Protein backbone atom coordinates (compact mmCIF):
# COMPACT_ATOMS: atom_id res chain seq x y z
CA MET A 1 16.46 7.54 -37.10
CA ARG A 2 14.88 4.25 -38.25
CA TYR A 3 16.46 0.94 -37.51
CA PRO A 4 16.24 -1.76 -40.20
CA PHE A 5 14.93 -4.36 -37.73
CA PHE A 6 12.20 -2.01 -36.52
CA ASP A 7 9.39 -2.64 -38.98
CA LYS A 8 5.72 -1.59 -38.90
CA THR A 9 4.77 -4.71 -36.94
CA SER A 10 7.31 -3.91 -34.24
CA GLU A 11 6.13 -0.31 -34.17
CA ALA A 12 2.50 -1.41 -33.75
CA LEU A 13 3.53 -3.82 -31.01
CA LEU A 14 5.43 -1.05 -29.22
CA GLN A 15 2.37 1.22 -29.42
CA LEU A 16 0.18 -1.58 -28.05
CA GLN A 17 2.60 -2.19 -25.16
CA THR A 18 2.63 1.53 -24.38
CA MET A 19 -1.18 1.61 -24.38
CA ILE A 20 -1.30 -1.44 -22.09
CA LEU A 21 1.13 0.19 -19.66
CA LEU A 22 -1.01 3.32 -19.60
CA VAL A 23 -4.14 1.27 -18.97
CA ILE A 24 -2.47 -0.72 -16.20
CA THR A 25 -1.98 2.48 -14.23
CA TYR A 26 -5.72 2.41 -13.61
CA ASN A 27 -7.23 -0.10 -11.23
CA ASP A 28 -9.58 -1.81 -13.67
CA PHE A 29 -9.13 -2.27 -17.38
CA LYS A 30 -10.54 -4.41 -20.15
CA TYR A 31 -8.53 -7.00 -22.01
CA MET A 32 -10.21 -8.48 -25.08
CA GLY A 33 -13.60 -7.41 -23.73
CA GLU A 34 -13.11 -8.93 -20.26
CA ARG A 35 -12.67 -6.89 -17.13
CA VAL A 36 -9.33 -7.54 -15.41
CA ARG A 37 -8.78 -6.44 -11.82
CA ILE A 38 -5.41 -5.27 -10.61
CA MET A 39 -4.18 -6.47 -7.21
CA ARG A 40 -2.15 -4.25 -4.91
CA HIS A 41 -0.31 -5.13 -1.70
CA TYR A 42 0.71 -2.75 1.07
CA GLU A 43 2.69 -3.21 4.25
CA LEU A 44 1.80 -0.61 6.88
CA TYR A 45 4.11 0.26 9.74
CA LEU A 46 3.42 2.48 12.71
CA LEU A 47 6.53 4.62 12.99
CA GLU A 48 7.77 6.58 15.98
CA GLU A 49 6.58 10.18 15.94
CA GLU A 50 10.15 11.52 15.93
CA VAL A 51 10.95 9.40 12.85
CA ALA A 52 7.79 10.65 11.15
CA ARG A 53 8.74 14.26 11.81
CA ARG A 54 12.35 13.77 10.77
CA TYR A 55 11.53 11.96 7.51
CA PHE A 56 8.55 14.10 6.48
CA GLY A 57 9.43 15.10 2.91
CA GLN A 58 12.10 12.38 2.73
CA GLU A 59 9.76 9.39 2.53
CA SER A 60 11.81 7.83 -0.27
CA LYS A 61 14.56 7.06 2.28
CA LEU A 62 12.08 5.06 4.35
CA PHE A 63 10.80 3.33 1.23
CA HIS A 64 14.32 2.26 0.30
CA LEU A 65 14.82 0.78 3.77
CA PHE A 66 11.74 -1.43 3.27
CA LEU A 67 12.76 -2.22 -0.30
CA GLU A 68 16.23 -3.31 0.87
CA HIS A 69 14.57 -5.47 3.52
CA SER A 70 12.60 -7.32 0.86
CA LYS A 71 15.59 -7.87 -1.43
CA SER A 72 18.36 -8.55 1.07
CA SER A 73 20.09 -11.75 2.09
CA ILE A 74 19.15 -13.43 5.37
CA GLU A 75 22.07 -11.86 7.26
CA GLN A 76 21.28 -8.38 5.98
CA ARG A 77 17.55 -8.89 6.54
CA ILE A 78 18.12 -9.53 10.25
CA LEU A 79 20.02 -6.25 10.56
CA ILE A 80 17.40 -4.30 8.59
CA GLU A 81 14.61 -5.86 10.68
CA LYS A 82 16.32 -4.48 13.78
CA GLN A 83 16.43 -1.04 12.14
CA ILE A 84 12.74 -1.25 11.25
CA GLU A 85 11.93 -2.41 14.78
CA TYR A 86 13.88 0.55 16.18
CA ILE A 87 11.95 3.16 14.16
CA SER A 88 8.56 1.45 14.64
CA LYS A 89 6.08 1.61 17.50
CA PRO A 90 4.27 -1.51 18.69
CA LEU A 91 0.97 -1.90 16.88
CA PRO A 92 -2.00 -1.16 19.18
CA SER A 93 -3.84 -4.25 17.91
CA LEU A 94 -6.79 -4.03 20.29
CA LEU A 95 -7.43 -0.37 19.46
CA VAL A 96 -7.13 -1.05 15.71
CA GLN A 97 -9.51 -4.01 16.00
CA GLN A 98 -12.05 -1.90 17.93
CA LYS A 99 -11.89 1.04 15.51
CA LEU A 100 -12.28 -1.20 12.44
CA LYS A 101 -15.24 -3.10 13.92
CA GLN A 102 -16.88 0.12 15.10
CA SER A 103 -16.42 1.82 11.71
CA PHE A 104 -17.68 -1.06 9.55
CA LYS A 105 -20.24 -2.84 11.75
CA HIS A 106 -23.11 -1.39 9.71
CA LEU A 107 -21.74 -2.79 6.42
CA VAL A 108 -22.99 -6.19 5.29
CA SER A 109 -19.88 -6.60 3.11
CA TYR A 110 -17.52 -6.38 6.13
CA ASN A 111 -16.26 -9.57 7.77
CA VAL A 112 -13.71 -10.21 10.47
CA TYR A 113 -12.07 -13.45 11.55
CA LYS A 114 -9.42 -13.27 14.28
CA GLN A 115 -6.82 -10.79 12.98
CA THR A 116 -8.15 -10.61 9.40
CA HIS A 117 -10.61 -7.96 8.25
CA TYR A 118 -12.28 -8.21 4.86
CA LEU A 119 -14.24 -5.47 3.11
CA GLU A 120 -15.96 -5.57 -0.25
CA TRP A 121 -17.47 -2.67 -2.17
CA GLN A 122 -19.82 -3.35 -5.09
CA GLN A 123 -19.87 -0.21 -7.23
CA PRO A 124 -17.20 0.05 -8.46
CA ALA A 125 -15.96 -3.44 -7.68
CA SER A 126 -13.38 -3.21 -4.90
CA CYS A 127 -12.26 -5.52 -2.12
CA ALA A 128 -9.57 -5.43 0.53
CA GLU A 129 -8.16 -7.76 3.15
CA LEU A 130 -6.33 -6.32 6.15
CA ILE A 131 -4.29 -8.63 8.38
CA LEU A 132 -2.94 -7.45 11.72
CA TYR A 133 0.48 -8.69 12.81
CA SER A 134 2.35 -7.74 15.97
CA ASN A 135 4.65 -5.25 14.22
CA HIS A 136 2.81 -4.25 11.02
CA LEU A 137 -0.36 -4.52 8.96
CA SER A 138 -0.70 -6.23 5.61
CA LEU A 139 -3.31 -4.93 3.16
CA THR A 140 -4.13 -6.71 -0.09
CA THR A 141 -6.62 -5.04 -2.39
CA GLU A 142 -8.19 -5.76 -5.73
CA GLY A 143 -10.23 -3.65 -8.11
CA GLY A 144 -11.05 -0.05 -7.32
CA ILE A 145 -9.48 1.88 -4.47
CA GLU A 146 -12.66 2.39 -2.43
CA ALA A 147 -12.18 -0.52 0.02
CA GLU A 148 -8.51 0.26 0.66
CA MET A 149 -9.32 3.95 1.19
CA MET A 150 -11.94 2.98 3.78
CA PHE A 151 -9.33 0.99 5.72
CA PHE A 152 -6.78 3.81 5.34
CA GLU A 153 -9.31 6.34 6.66
CA VAL A 154 -9.87 4.35 9.87
CA LEU A 155 -6.16 3.68 10.40
CA ARG A 156 -5.11 7.29 9.98
CA LYS A 157 -7.54 8.22 12.76
CA VAL A 158 -5.95 5.61 15.06
CA ASP A 159 -2.48 7.16 14.73
CA PRO A 160 -1.04 9.78 12.35
CA CYS A 161 2.27 7.93 11.97
CA PHE A 162 1.18 5.01 9.78
CA PHE A 163 3.50 4.61 6.79
CA ALA A 164 2.26 2.54 3.83
CA VAL A 165 4.61 0.79 1.40
CA ASN A 166 3.68 -0.88 -1.89
CA LEU A 167 6.96 -2.46 -2.99
CA GLU A 168 5.72 -3.80 -6.33
CA GLY A 169 4.30 -0.46 -7.42
CA HIS A 170 7.07 1.63 -5.79
CA ARG A 171 4.39 3.62 -3.98
CA PHE A 172 4.69 4.81 -0.40
CA GLY A 173 3.54 7.52 1.95
CA TRP A 174 1.90 8.57 5.18
CA LEU A 175 -1.76 7.79 5.73
CA ASN A 176 -2.01 11.11 7.52
CA PRO A 177 0.87 13.43 6.62
CA ILE A 178 2.46 15.16 9.58
CA LYS A 179 2.92 18.82 8.91
CA GLN A 180 6.27 20.23 9.86
CA VAL A 181 6.23 23.42 11.83
CA LYS A 182 9.09 25.72 10.91
CA LEU A 183 10.38 27.74 13.80
CA LEU A 184 11.92 31.11 13.06
């Protein structure tokens, strides 16, 4: 069915928007001949092992908890923060710092200042900044996924219960999935 207000120009615009949305799903794309880099942001929480086992395969429930936290009022946020605190383990900051420094000390493109770690990868262009807080990690990346994957690789070796949440992209998951053992 064709709508009278939907002319060829609108159809072309719709096709262009669809193409742009498809291109945005990749990390880098070109807009009018210029390379544009997409930025991603992750919050990483170290969850209790029992929570990780219980919610393996039901990660969307955890994601919605963090999503509600970001969208809630101040009163609700305090309650949700207590829930997140209850299911989270304290971050072993010293161990994380040591593992990151040990893993990247040979890279010229790795820098660290206090609780902030910065990693840049040239080909393809990729950079990531990891900030350690007392109860979670914050990872901001730009360009390709190489730098963020390098950070993820180190963190998953520190503890298998890291859960990453990208609220803007509605992406979430374990850095190192815990396999459930089914008992007969």
